[in-house]
Amino acid sequence: MLETKQFDVLIVGSGAAGLSLALQLPDSLSIGLLSKAGVHSGSTAWAQGGMAAVLHERDTVDSHVNDTLQAGAGLCHEDAVRFTVEQSTDVVNWLVDQGVDFDLRNDQPDDEFQEFHLTMEGGHSIRRILHAADQTGSAISKALNQRIAKCENVEILTDKCVVDLISDGNRVQGAYVLNTTTGYVETIGAATVALATGGASKAYLYTSNPDGATGDGIALAWRAGCRVANLEFNQFHPTCLYDPKARTFLLTEALRGEGATLHLPNGERFMPRFDPRAELAPRDIVARAIDYEMKRLGLDCVYLDVTHKSREEIEAHFPTVQARCQALGIDMAVERIPVVPAAHYTCGGVIVDQFGATDLPGLYVIGETACTGLHGANRMASNSLLECFVYALSAAKHIKNNRLQQKYNNLPRWDDSRVRVSDEAIVIKHSWQALRRLMWDYVGIVRTNRRLKRAANHLKVLEQEVDDYYSSFTITKELLELRNLTLVSRLMVECARERKESRGLHYNSDYPDTLKASADSVLVPVNSRSQLTVLPRYSR
């Protein structure tokens, strides 16, 4: 019989949120840091653009807050926005102390900027994006992983997938965890569990996210009895490289921040027709404009033009993008880059308070998995990394002051005595393809009542098929991901169907106007299903 592992804190996810939480917890706590694959496999390492922070003498907290509120289309919680922005300078100092090498101001011809090289991105009214060339996420991930490797109180558990959380109904007690190497389900006890598993953009056929973005944390928290909110707001990044060989390669927002423009095949620049901010409009506006032009003209893609920059500037600030384009035969210094929108960021998630605490005592959720109130109906570019670090720090303080001094040694073991090894695993592959196609076709950038109804009907059947399969066969990583993503997709559609307006990232052509009163979409678990309430502001 497998022994039960014990930790004071179990952290699920090894991206920016999970790593920074582990690093900021007291050394006296035993910590299990769990990752589905390797510790570098999450979305953090894929982040190119950077992190927003108030660093410039001309910038202010109020300016950053106002930009975020405007981008969030009336659904941001101002207290959460201000709480996040006010800590941005401290976050930068902490990251520098961890060894993150951000680009410095060594190539600016004037005295406009201070120590760091800051760039511009859509929705921001001033340059405030801190970056490490176009590999900011990779630089952060590398520095934090080097730090975590030296922590004697942290045990890194790779190739592990959480099946479900363990709870007595009053408090989290640990988790059942699939060892994908052995195929066994292990029992891990912990009085405190933190979910930092990223978003659910893998629900869509085209996405900028890595394969692990399957909504695991949202599904786990929901099944444990936690509320979720605003899952209809899925951000589509306007500019992913369009090429059969490119798969999910994202072209950083900073390209448009540095003056790159969007064009139709005939060379016409079209964004000024849609918004006075043109290419620097928030992502939802740019993505919807591209989607409109592609559908209007029957295009496979549009084109991003950065040829106004010298080859030297491109090599200095966008080496990753340049290398990827060169590998596909595109010289971005002299020719335009074909681009399409792709699912990028999940703005809704598990409802948490200022400390990342959920409805279930002992369970914390941070990063993209959480709904903190920061993003509202549309995430402003480069606020996501900042949110990870701010709420990781806040959660670490709260865990330190409120942790339960208890071990769970007698937890029930996983029972797989009534299931068998599957002889029809092809069902998972087919169901996965069907899910991602229907979400792209019916719950994409532009929605209608009819499309959402079709999606709900298909998802009802698909979810039942997945549940039947889960009940009959031994589990695998692919099955767990499909189970989680099918559930979260249903929750997305439920939220979208109840929103009788267009706001931010949610655009329904049957309800093109925005209502005067803003309201969050809150789903409450009831007998493993859901009850939807639309609230002016969700509260703990």
Protein backbone atom coordinates (compact mmCIF):
# COMPACT_ATOMS: atom_id res chain seq x y z
CA MET A 1 0.00 0.00 0.00
CA LEU A 2 1.29 3.45 -0.89
CA GLU A 3 2.18 5.61 2.10
CA THR A 4 0.44 8.95 2.59
CA LYS A 5 2.77 11.91 2.06
CA GLN A 6 2.44 14.79 4.51
CA PHE A 7 3.14 18.49 4.05
CA ASP A 8 2.25 21.63 5.92
CA VAL A 9 1.44 23.26 2.57
CA LEU A 10 0.78 21.59 -0.78
CA ILE A 11 1.19 23.95 -3.75
CA VAL A 12 -0.25 22.73 -7.06
CA GLY A 13 1.48 24.47 -9.96
CA SER A 14 5.07 25.54 -10.58
CA GLY A 15 4.61 28.79 -12.48
CA ALA A 16 5.14 32.33 -11.22
CA ALA A 17 2.35 32.14 -8.63
CA GLY A 18 3.27 28.74 -7.21
CA LEU A 19 7.03 29.35 -7.11
CA SER A 20 6.77 32.78 -5.51
CA LEU A 21 4.35 31.47 -2.88
CA ALA A 22 6.76 28.68 -1.96
CA LEU A 23 9.66 31.13 -1.74
CA GLN A 24 7.78 33.52 0.53
CA LEU A 25 6.46 30.96 3.02
CA PRO A 26 8.45 30.46 6.24
CA ASP A 27 11.36 28.00 6.08
CA SER A 28 9.85 26.18 9.05
CA LEU A 29 6.99 24.84 6.91
CA SER A 30 7.28 21.64 4.90
CA ILE A 31 6.12 22.38 1.35
CA GLY A 32 5.20 20.08 -1.50
CA LEU A 33 5.45 21.80 -4.90
CA LEU A 34 3.56 19.77 -7.47
CA SER A 35 3.83 20.05 -11.26
CA LYS A 36 2.00 18.13 -13.99
CA ALA A 37 5.19 17.85 -16.00
CA GLY A 38 8.54 19.55 -15.37
CA VAL A 39 8.86 22.70 -13.29
CA HIS A 40 9.33 24.82 -16.45
CA SER A 41 6.23 23.47 -18.21
CA GLY A 42 3.67 26.13 -17.21
CA SER A 43 2.56 29.33 -18.90
CA THR A 44 5.01 31.62 -17.09
CA ALA A 45 7.98 30.58 -19.21
CA TRP A 46 5.94 31.38 -22.33
CA ALA A 47 5.25 35.01 -21.32
CA GLN A 48 7.11 37.32 -23.69
CA GLY A 49 5.89 40.86 -23.05
CA GLY A 50 6.59 41.76 -19.45
CA MET A 51 5.11 42.96 -16.17
CA ALA A 52 3.33 46.25 -15.53
CA ALA A 53 4.60 48.31 -12.58
CA VAL A 54 4.68 51.94 -11.46
CA LEU A 55 8.39 52.75 -11.76
CA HIS A 56 8.67 55.94 -13.77
CA GLU A 57 8.67 59.33 -12.01
CA ARG A 58 5.93 60.51 -14.39
CA ASP A 59 3.77 57.47 -13.67
CA THR A 60 1.42 57.18 -10.70
CA VAL A 61 -0.58 54.52 -8.92
CA ASP A 62 -3.76 56.39 -9.85
CA SER A 63 -2.82 56.36 -13.53
CA HIS A 64 -2.17 52.61 -13.52
CA VAL A 65 -5.40 52.01 -11.59
CA ASN A 66 -7.44 54.15 -13.99
CA ASP A 67 -6.00 52.41 -17.05
CA THR A 68 -6.86 49.02 -15.54
CA LEU A 69 -10.40 50.09 -14.64
CA GLN A 70 -10.98 51.36 -18.16
CA ALA A 71 -9.69 48.16 -19.75
CA GLY A 72 -11.84 46.07 -17.38
CA ALA A 73 -15.04 47.59 -18.83
CA GLY A 74 -16.76 48.33 -15.54
CA LEU A 75 -16.25 44.96 -13.83
CA CYS A 76 -12.93 45.49 -12.06
CA HIS A 77 -13.09 45.71 -8.28
CA GLU A 78 -11.34 48.99 -7.59
CA ASP A 79 -10.12 47.86 -4.18
CA ALA A 80 -8.44 44.82 -5.74
CA VAL A 81 -6.92 46.93 -8.53
CA ARG A 82 -5.49 49.48 -6.12
CA PHE A 83 -4.25 46.75 -3.76
CA THR A 84 -2.37 45.14 -6.64
CA VAL A 85 -0.91 48.28 -8.20
CA GLU A 86 0.24 49.77 -4.89
CA GLN A 87 2.53 46.78 -4.35
CA SER A 88 4.07 46.78 -7.83
CA THR A 89 7.30 48.54 -6.82
CA ASP A 90 7.87 46.12 -3.92
CA VAL A 91 7.26 43.20 -6.28
CA VAL A 92 9.91 44.50 -8.68
CA ASN A 93 12.41 44.88 -5.84
CA TRP A 94 11.69 41.33 -4.67
CA LEU A 95 12.14 39.89 -8.15
CA VAL A 96 15.44 41.73 -8.60
CA ASP A 97 16.55 40.28 -5.25
CA GLN A 98 15.66 36.82 -6.59
CA GLY A 99 18.05 37.37 -9.48
CA VAL A 100 15.71 38.36 -12.33
CA ASP A 101 17.65 40.40 -14.88
CA PHE A 102 15.26 42.97 -16.35
CA ASP A 103 16.43 45.12 -19.25
CA LEU A 104 18.06 48.33 -18.09
CA ARG A 105 17.89 51.77 -19.67
CA ASN A 106 21.14 51.65 -21.59
CA ASP A 107 19.85 52.42 -25.06
CA GLN A 108 17.58 55.41 -24.49
CA PRO A 109 18.80 58.61 -26.21
CA ASP A 110 17.14 60.93 -23.69
CA ASP A 111 16.47 61.12 -19.98
CA GLU A 112 12.80 60.18 -20.22
CA PHE A 113 13.12 56.91 -18.33
CA GLN A 114 14.78 55.87 -15.13
CA GLU A 115 16.76 52.73 -14.34
CA PHE A 116 14.73 50.11 -16.23
CA HIS A 117 13.91 50.00 -19.92
CA LEU A 118 10.12 50.34 -19.98
CA THR A 119 7.96 49.63 -22.98
CA MET A 120 4.37 50.43 -24.00
CA GLU A 121 1.45 48.03 -24.42
CA GLY A 122 -2.21 48.28 -25.33
CA GLY A 123 -4.47 49.94 -22.75
CA HIS A 124 -1.63 51.68 -20.90
CA SER A 125 -1.36 55.47 -20.99
CA ILE A 126 2.40 55.50 -20.31
CA ARG A 127 5.40 53.24 -20.71
CA ARG A 128 5.38 51.00 -17.63
CA ILE A 129 6.11 47.48 -18.91
CA LEU A 130 9.20 45.98 -17.31
CA HIS A 131 10.76 43.23 -19.42
CA ALA A 132 13.73 41.02 -20.16
CA ALA A 133 13.93 41.43 -23.94
CA ASP A 134 10.93 39.37 -25.15
CA GLN A 135 11.66 36.48 -22.77
CA THR A 136 10.40 37.97 -19.51
CA GLY A 137 8.52 34.89 -18.36
CA SER A 138 11.47 32.65 -19.11
CA ALA A 139 13.84 34.94 -17.18
CA ILE A 140 11.50 34.97 -14.17
CA SER A 141 10.95 31.22 -14.27
CA LYS A 142 14.67 30.55 -14.48
CA ALA A 143 15.54 32.81 -11.54
CA LEU A 144 12.78 31.49 -9.29
CA ASN A 145 13.57 27.86 -10.07
CA GLN A 146 17.21 28.44 -9.20
CA ARG A 147 16.07 29.84 -5.85
CA ILE A 148 13.58 27.06 -5.14
CA ALA A 149 16.20 24.39 -5.80
CA LYS A 150 18.11 25.68 -2.77
CA CYS A 151 15.11 25.49 -0.40
CA GLU A 152 15.56 22.47 1.85
CA ASN A 153 11.95 22.66 3.08
CA VAL A 154 10.50 22.34 -0.44
CA GLU A 155 10.02 18.95 -2.08
CA ILE A 156 9.44 19.22 -5.83
CA LEU A 157 6.97 16.64 -7.14
CA THR A 158 7.02 16.44 -10.95
CA ASP A 159 4.84 14.37 -13.27
CA LYS A 160 1.92 14.56 -10.85
CA CYS A 161 -1.73 15.41 -11.61
CA VAL A 162 -4.28 16.18 -8.91
CA VAL A 163 -7.36 14.00 -9.30
CA ASP A 164 -9.46 15.70 -6.62
CA LEU A 165 -9.08 17.57 -3.35
CA ILE A 166 -9.76 15.81 -0.06
CA SER A 167 -12.07 17.61 2.35
CA ASP A 168 -14.29 16.81 5.30
CA GLY A 169 -16.70 19.49 4.12
CA ASN A 170 -15.35 22.00 6.61
CA ARG A 171 -11.70 22.23 5.63
CA VAL A 172 -9.33 20.98 2.94
CA GLN A 173 -7.26 17.98 4.06
CA GLY A 174 -5.08 17.18 1.07
CA ALA A 175 -5.40 15.72 -2.41
CA TYR A 176 -5.48 12.55 -4.44
CA VAL A 177 -2.62 12.76 -6.92
CA LEU A 178 -1.94 10.66 -10.01
CA ASN A 179 1.70 9.73 -10.53
CA THR A 180 1.81 9.79 -14.32
CA THR A 181 5.04 7.78 -14.34
CA THR A 182 3.73 4.81 -12.35
CA GLY A 183 0.00 5.19 -12.97
CA TYR A 184 -0.77 4.98 -9.25
CA VAL A 185 -2.92 7.46 -7.36
CA GLU A 186 -1.16 8.71 -4.22
CA THR A 187 -2.73 10.33 -1.17
CA ILE A 188 -1.14 13.57 0.05
CA GLY A 189 -2.24 15.13 3.31
CA ALA A 190 -2.00 18.88 3.91
CA ALA A 191 -3.94 21.28 6.09
CA THR A 192 -3.26 24.01 3.53
CA VAL A 193 -3.50 23.59 -0.24
CA ALA A 194 -2.80 26.32 -2.80
CA LEU A 195 -3.93 25.95 -6.41
CA ALA A 196 -1.81 27.85 -8.93
CA THR A 197 -2.55 25.84 -12.05
CA GLY A 198 -3.10 28.57 -14.64
CA GLY A 199 -6.09 29.08 -16.90
CA ALA A 200 -8.30 27.11 -19.26
CA SER A 201 -7.44 28.43 -22.73
CA LYS A 202 -6.76 24.91 -23.99
CA ALA A 203 -10.55 24.67 -24.28
CA TYR A 204 -10.13 26.42 -27.63
CA LEU A 205 -8.88 25.06 -30.91
CA TYR A 206 -6.37 27.89 -31.32
CA THR A 207 -4.51 29.06 -28.23
CA SER A 208 -1.23 30.67 -27.24
CA ASN A 209 -1.06 28.50 -24.11
CA PRO A 210 0.96 25.36 -23.39
CA ASP A 211 -0.83 22.00 -23.31
CA GLY A 212 -1.25 22.09 -19.53
CA ALA A 213 -3.72 25.02 -19.51
CA THR A 214 -6.72 22.74 -18.97
CA GLY A 215 -8.58 24.52 -16.17
CA ASP A 216 -7.51 22.00 -13.53
CA GLY A 217 -7.54 24.34 -10.54
CA ILE A 218 -10.93 25.83 -11.41
CA ALA A 219 -12.45 22.35 -11.76
CA LEU A 220 -10.84 21.08 -8.54
CA ALA A 221 -12.07 24.04 -6.52
CA TRP A 222 -15.56 23.83 -8.02
CA ARG A 223 -15.89 20.14 -7.17
CA ALA A 224 -14.71 21.00 -3.63
CA GLY A 225 -17.59 23.47 -3.25
CA CYS A 226 -16.04 26.83 -4.20
CA ARG A 227 -17.79 29.53 -6.19
CA VAL A 228 -16.46 30.75 -9.52
CA ALA A 229 -17.08 34.03 -11.34
CA ASN A 230 -16.88 35.75 -14.74
CA LEU A 231 -15.80 32.71 -16.75
CA GLU A 232 -17.41 34.13 -19.90
CA PHE A 233 -14.47 36.52 -20.21
CA ASN A 234 -11.84 34.70 -22.23
CA GLN A 235 -9.14 36.91 -23.64
CA PHE A 236 -8.04 36.24 -27.20
CA HIS A 237 -4.58 37.54 -27.95
CA PRO A 238 -4.81 39.45 -31.24
CA THR A 239 -1.47 38.37 -32.68
CA CYS A 240 -0.40 34.75 -32.79
CA LEU A 241 1.85 33.70 -35.64
CA TYR A 242 -0.14 32.12 -38.45
CA ASP A 243 1.77 29.17 -39.85
CA PRO A 244 1.03 25.42 -39.82
CA LYS A 245 4.45 24.82 -38.28
CA ALA A 246 4.15 27.54 -35.64
CA ARG A 247 1.43 25.86 -33.55
CA THR A 248 0.80 28.30 -30.66
CA PHE A 249 3.54 30.90 -30.98
CA LEU A 250 2.48 34.28 -29.59
CA LEU A 251 3.79 37.58 -30.93
CA THR A 252 4.26 39.82 -27.91
CA GLU A 253 2.04 42.83 -27.26
CA ALA A 254 5.21 44.90 -27.03
CA LEU A 255 5.57 44.77 -30.82
CA ARG A 256 2.48 46.94 -31.17
CA GLY A 257 3.64 48.96 -28.20
CA GLU A 258 6.77 49.78 -30.19
CA GLY A 259 4.78 50.88 -33.22
CA ALA A 260 3.95 47.70 -35.18
CA THR A 261 0.78 48.11 -37.28
CA LEU A 262 -1.88 45.70 -38.56
CA HIS A 263 -2.69 45.43 -42.27
CA LEU A 264 -4.96 43.62 -44.70
CA PRO A 265 -3.32 41.62 -47.51
CA ASN A 266 -3.66 44.64 -49.84
CA GLY A 267 -1.60 46.73 -47.41
CA GLU A 268 -4.50 48.71 -45.92
CA ARG A 269 -4.10 49.54 -42.25
CA PHE A 270 -7.50 48.86 -40.64
CA MET A 271 -7.31 49.42 -36.85
CA PRO A 272 -7.88 53.23 -37.02
CA ARG A 273 -11.36 52.41 -38.39
CA PHE A 274 -12.25 50.55 -35.20
CA ASP A 275 -10.74 52.60 -32.39
CA PRO A 276 -8.90 55.95 -32.06
CA ARG A 277 -6.13 54.14 -30.18
CA ALA A 278 -5.66 51.90 -33.24
CA GLU A 279 -3.19 49.07 -32.50
CA LEU A 280 -2.82 50.24 -28.90
CA ALA A 281 -6.49 49.62 -28.08
CA PRO A 282 -7.18 46.90 -25.48
CA ARG A 283 -6.82 43.34 -26.68
CA ASP A 284 -10.55 42.59 -26.96
CA ILE A 285 -11.04 45.46 -29.41
CA VAL A 286 -8.02 44.51 -31.53
CA ALA A 287 -8.92 40.79 -31.56
CA ARG A 288 -12.53 41.52 -32.51
CA ALA A 289 -11.42 43.86 -35.29
CA ILE A 290 -9.12 41.20 -36.74
CA ASP A 291 -11.88 38.58 -36.45
CA TYR A 292 -14.32 40.91 -38.23
CA GLU A 293 -11.95 41.63 -41.11
CA MET A 294 -11.05 37.95 -41.53
CA LYS A 295 -14.72 36.95 -41.69
CA ARG A 296 -15.71 39.92 -43.87
CA LEU A 297 -13.04 39.20 -46.48
CA GLY A 298 -12.69 35.44 -46.02
CA LEU A 299 -9.06 35.74 -44.92
CA ASP A 300 -6.87 33.15 -43.27
CA CYS A 301 -4.92 35.86 -41.49
CA VAL A 302 -3.95 39.54 -41.38
CA TYR A 303 -0.43 40.99 -41.20
CA LEU A 304 1.67 42.67 -38.51
CA ASP A 305 4.24 45.14 -39.82
CA VAL A 306 7.29 46.05 -37.72
CA THR A 307 9.56 46.98 -40.62
CA HIS A 308 9.85 50.55 -39.33
CA LYS A 309 12.30 49.18 -36.73
CA SER A 310 15.93 48.60 -37.60
CA ARG A 311 17.31 45.08 -37.62
CA GLU A 312 19.48 46.02 -34.64
CA GLU A 313 16.47 47.18 -32.59
CA ILE A 314 14.57 44.00 -33.42
CA GLU A 315 17.52 41.83 -32.43
CA ALA A 316 17.90 43.72 -29.14
CA HIS A 317 14.28 43.74 -27.99
CA PHE A 318 12.57 40.86 -29.82
CA PRO A 319 15.16 38.09 -30.24
CA THR A 320 12.70 35.26 -29.53
CA VAL A 321 10.16 36.50 -32.06
CA GLN A 322 12.88 37.14 -34.62
CA ALA A 323 14.36 33.66 -34.19
CA ARG A 324 10.96 31.99 -34.54
CA CYS A 325 10.09 34.00 -37.64
CA GLN A 326 13.48 33.28 -39.21
CA ALA A 327 12.97 29.55 -38.61
CA LEU A 328 9.78 29.82 -40.67
CA GLY A 329 11.43 31.86 -43.44
CA ILE A 330 10.06 35.26 -42.35
CA ASP A 331 12.44 38.21 -42.10
CA MET A 332 10.45 40.57 -39.87
CA ALA A 333 12.87 43.43 -40.53
CA VAL A 334 11.75 43.63 -44.16
CA GLU A 335 8.43 41.75 -44.45
CA ARG A 336 5.10 41.55 -42.67
CA ILE A 337 4.22 38.73 -40.27
CA PRO A 338 0.97 36.73 -40.79
CA VAL A 339 -1.12 36.71 -37.58
CA VAL A 340 -4.44 35.43 -36.20
CA PRO A 341 -6.15 35.80 -32.79
CA ALA A 342 -5.92 32.88 -30.34
CA ALA A 343 -7.31 32.10 -26.88
CA HIS A 344 -4.83 33.51 -24.40
CA TYR A 345 -6.07 34.27 -20.88
CA THR A 346 -8.91 33.23 -18.56
CA CYS A 347 -10.07 36.40 -16.79
CA GLY A 348 -12.59 34.70 -14.50
CA GLY A 349 -11.90 31.89 -12.06
CA VAL A 350 -12.28 30.80 -8.46
CA ILE A 351 -13.54 33.57 -6.19
CA VAL A 352 -10.90 34.58 -3.64
CA ASP A 353 -10.38 37.38 -1.17
CA GLN A 354 -7.40 39.71 -0.80
CA PHE A 355 -5.36 36.81 0.60
CA GLY A 356 -6.19 34.30 -2.13
CA ALA A 357 -8.46 32.40 0.29
CA THR A 358 -11.50 30.57 -1.11
CA ASP A 359 -14.86 29.43 0.29
CA LEU A 360 -13.22 26.23 1.61
CA PRO A 361 -11.02 26.92 4.66
CA GLY A 362 -7.41 25.99 4.06
CA LEU A 363 -7.74 26.23 0.27
CA TYR A 364 -6.03 29.13 -1.52
CA VAL A 365 -6.10 29.95 -5.22
CA ILE A 366 -3.65 32.35 -6.88
CA GLY A 367 -2.61 33.39 -10.38
CA GLU A 368 -4.75 32.87 -13.46
CA THR A 369 -6.86 30.23 -11.68
CA ALA A 370 -8.28 32.90 -9.37
CA CYS A 371 -10.83 35.66 -9.82
CA THR A 372 -9.47 38.46 -7.64
CA GLY A 373 -11.44 41.32 -9.18
CA LEU A 374 -8.34 42.79 -10.83
CA HIS A 375 -9.17 42.02 -14.45
CA GLY A 376 -12.92 42.57 -14.67
CA ALA A 377 -14.26 41.99 -18.17
CA ASN A 378 -10.86 42.31 -19.86
CA ARG A 379 -7.32 41.91 -18.57
CA MET A 380 -5.03 44.82 -19.33
CA ALA A 381 -1.75 43.69 -20.88
CA SER A 382 1.02 42.64 -18.45
CA ASN A 383 -1.07 42.90 -15.29
CA SER A 384 -1.17 39.12 -14.93
CA LEU A 385 2.42 38.55 -13.77
CA LEU A 386 2.03 41.39 -11.28
CA GLU A 387 -1.11 39.76 -9.90
CA CYS A 388 0.72 36.44 -9.42
CA PHE A 389 3.38 37.96 -7.20
CA VAL A 390 1.11 40.31 -5.24
CA TYR A 391 -1.35 37.59 -4.27
CA ALA A 392 1.38 35.02 -3.63
CA LEU A 393 2.89 37.39 -1.09
CA SER A 394 -0.50 38.12 0.45
CA ALA A 395 -1.37 34.41 0.63
CA ALA A 396 2.01 33.57 2.19
CA LYS A 397 1.40 36.08 4.99
CA HIS A 398 -2.12 34.77 5.57
CA ILE A 399 -1.02 31.12 5.62
CA LYS A 400 1.73 31.93 8.09
CA ASN A 401 -0.72 33.64 10.45
CA ASN A 402 -3.66 31.23 10.05
CA ARG A 403 -2.29 27.79 9.26
CA LEU A 404 -3.74 24.80 11.09
CA GLN A 405 -1.27 22.82 13.21
CA GLN A 406 -2.56 19.44 12.14
CA LYS A 407 -1.47 16.37 10.22
CA TYR A 408 -3.84 14.15 8.27
CA ASN A 409 -2.39 10.65 8.60
CA ASN A 410 -5.56 8.58 8.27
CA LEU A 411 -7.01 9.87 5.04
CA PRO A 412 -8.96 7.36 2.92
CA ARG A 413 -6.89 5.75 0.18
CA TRP A 414 -7.87 6.00 -3.46
CA ASP A 415 -10.20 3.16 -4.46
CA ASP A 416 -9.89 1.87 -8.03
CA SER A 417 -11.14 -1.65 -7.34
CA ARG A 418 -14.23 -1.22 -9.53
CA VAL A 419 -12.58 0.10 -12.68
CA ARG A 420 -10.51 -1.55 -15.38
CA VAL A 421 -7.86 -0.57 -17.90
CA SER A 422 -9.45 1.01 -20.94
CA ASP A 423 -9.38 -0.67 -24.32
CA GLU A 424 -10.90 2.35 -26.06
CA ALA A 425 -8.65 5.30 -25.25
CA ILE A 426 -9.46 6.70 -28.69
CA VAL A 427 -12.63 8.08 -27.05
CA ILE A 428 -10.52 10.61 -25.15
CA LYS A 429 -8.82 11.84 -28.31
CA HIS A 430 -12.11 12.21 -30.17
CA SER A 431 -13.82 13.94 -27.23
CA TRP A 432 -10.90 16.33 -26.85
CA GLN A 433 -11.07 17.34 -30.50
CA ALA A 434 -14.84 17.76 -30.35
CA LEU A 435 -14.62 19.95 -27.23
CA ARG A 436 -12.04 22.34 -28.62
CA ARG A 437 -13.77 22.68 -31.97
CA LEU A 438 -17.20 23.40 -30.49
CA MET A 439 -15.77 25.98 -28.06
CA TRP A 440 -13.96 27.73 -30.92
CA ASP A 441 -17.01 27.70 -33.20
CA TYR A 442 -19.73 28.53 -30.65
CA VAL A 443 -18.04 30.31 -27.72
CA GLY A 444 -15.36 32.29 -29.53
CA ILE A 445 -14.59 35.97 -30.07
CA VAL A 446 -18.12 36.77 -31.29
CA ARG A 447 -21.06 34.85 -29.82
CA THR A 448 -24.80 34.53 -30.41
CA ASN A 449 -27.65 33.07 -28.38
CA ARG A 450 -28.02 30.24 -30.88
CA ARG A 451 -24.33 29.36 -30.81
CA LEU A 452 -24.27 29.33 -27.00
CA LYS A 453 -27.38 27.10 -26.86
CA ARG A 454 -25.76 24.64 -29.26
CA ALA A 455 -22.61 24.66 -27.17
CA ALA A 456 -24.61 23.94 -24.01
CA ASN A 457 -26.41 21.03 -25.65
CA HIS A 458 -23.22 19.48 -27.00
CA LEU A 459 -21.38 19.96 -23.71
CA LYS A 460 -24.16 18.23 -21.76
CA VAL A 461 -23.72 15.10 -23.86
CA LEU A 462 -19.94 15.32 -23.87
CA GLU A 463 -19.70 15.80 -20.12
CA GLN A 464 -21.89 12.74 -19.52
CA GLU A 465 -19.70 10.65 -21.83
CA VAL A 466 -16.57 11.78 -19.99
CA ASP A 467 -18.17 11.04 -16.60
CA ASP A 468 -19.15 7.55 -17.76
CA TYR A 469 -15.62 6.90 -19.00
CA TYR A 470 -14.11 8.24 -15.76
CA SER A 471 -16.34 5.91 -13.71
CA SER A 472 -15.43 2.82 -15.72
CA PHE A 473 -11.69 2.97 -16.42
CA THR A 474 -8.40 3.62 -14.66
CA ILE A 475 -7.44 7.26 -14.90
CA THR A 476 -4.74 8.86 -17.02
CA LYS A 477 -3.40 12.39 -17.31
CA GLU A 478 -5.30 12.88 -20.57
CA LEU A 479 -8.56 11.74 -19.00
CA LEU A 480 -8.15 14.05 -15.99
CA GLU A 481 -7.44 17.03 -18.23
CA LEU A 482 -10.43 16.27 -20.44
CA ARG A 483 -12.67 15.85 -17.39
CA ASN A 484 -11.57 19.19 -15.96
CA LEU A 485 -11.72 21.11 -19.22
CA THR A 486 -15.17 19.79 -20.13
CA LEU A 487 -16.48 20.94 -16.75
CA VAL A 488 -14.90 24.38 -16.99
CA SER A 489 -16.17 24.79 -20.55
CA ARG A 490 -19.70 24.16 -19.30
CA LEU A 491 -19.23 26.79 -16.62
CA MET A 492 -17.97 29.24 -19.24
CA VAL A 493 -21.08 28.69 -21.35
CA GLU A 494 -23.42 29.01 -18.35
CA CYS A 495 -21.91 32.39 -17.50
CA ALA A 496 -22.03 33.52 -21.13
CA ARG A 497 -25.69 32.55 -21.62
CA GLU A 498 -26.82 34.57 -18.62
CA ARG A 499 -25.04 37.78 -19.64
CA LYS A 500 -27.62 39.74 -21.63
CA GLU A 501 -25.18 42.35 -22.92
CA SER A 502 -21.80 42.76 -24.59
CA ARG A 503 -19.04 43.82 -22.23
CA GLY A 504 -15.27 43.61 -22.52
CA LEU A 505 -14.20 40.23 -23.84
CA HIS A 506 -17.76 38.91 -24.05
CA TYR A 507 -19.40 40.03 -27.28
CA ASN A 508 -22.85 38.66 -28.13
CA SER A 509 -24.22 40.04 -31.39
CA ASP A 510 -27.77 39.43 -30.11
CA TYR A 511 -27.02 41.83 -27.23
CA PRO A 512 -24.54 44.32 -28.77
CA ASP A 513 -25.04 47.04 -26.16
CA THR A 514 -23.48 47.35 -22.71
CA LEU A 515 -25.85 47.66 -19.76
CA LYS A 516 -25.48 50.70 -17.52
CA ALA A 517 -25.24 48.58 -14.37
CA SER A 518 -22.26 46.25 -14.18
CA ALA A 519 -22.61 42.85 -12.54
CA ASP A 520 -20.38 39.83 -11.96
CA SER A 521 -21.55 36.40 -13.08
CA VAL A 522 -21.23 34.13 -10.04
CA LEU A 523 -21.78 30.36 -10.17
CA VAL A 524 -22.54 28.52 -6.94
CA PRO A 525 -22.09 24.71 -6.74
CA VAL A 526 -25.36 22.93 -5.96
CA ASN A 527 -25.27 19.13 -5.90
CA SER A 528 -22.21 19.11 -8.21
CA ARG A 529 -24.11 21.21 -10.76
CA SER A 530 -24.59 24.94 -10.53
CA GLN A 531 -26.82 27.81 -9.69
CA LEU A 532 -26.02 31.11 -11.36
CA THR A 533 -26.50 34.42 -9.66
CA VAL A 534 -25.65 37.78 -11.20
CA LEU A 535 -24.36 40.05 -8.47
CA PRO A 536 -23.33 43.73 -8.48
CA ARG A 537 -20.11 42.59 -6.74
CA TYR A 538 -19.32 39.18 -5.35
CA SER A 539 -18.34 39.08 -1.70
CA ARG A 540 -16.81 36.61 0.69
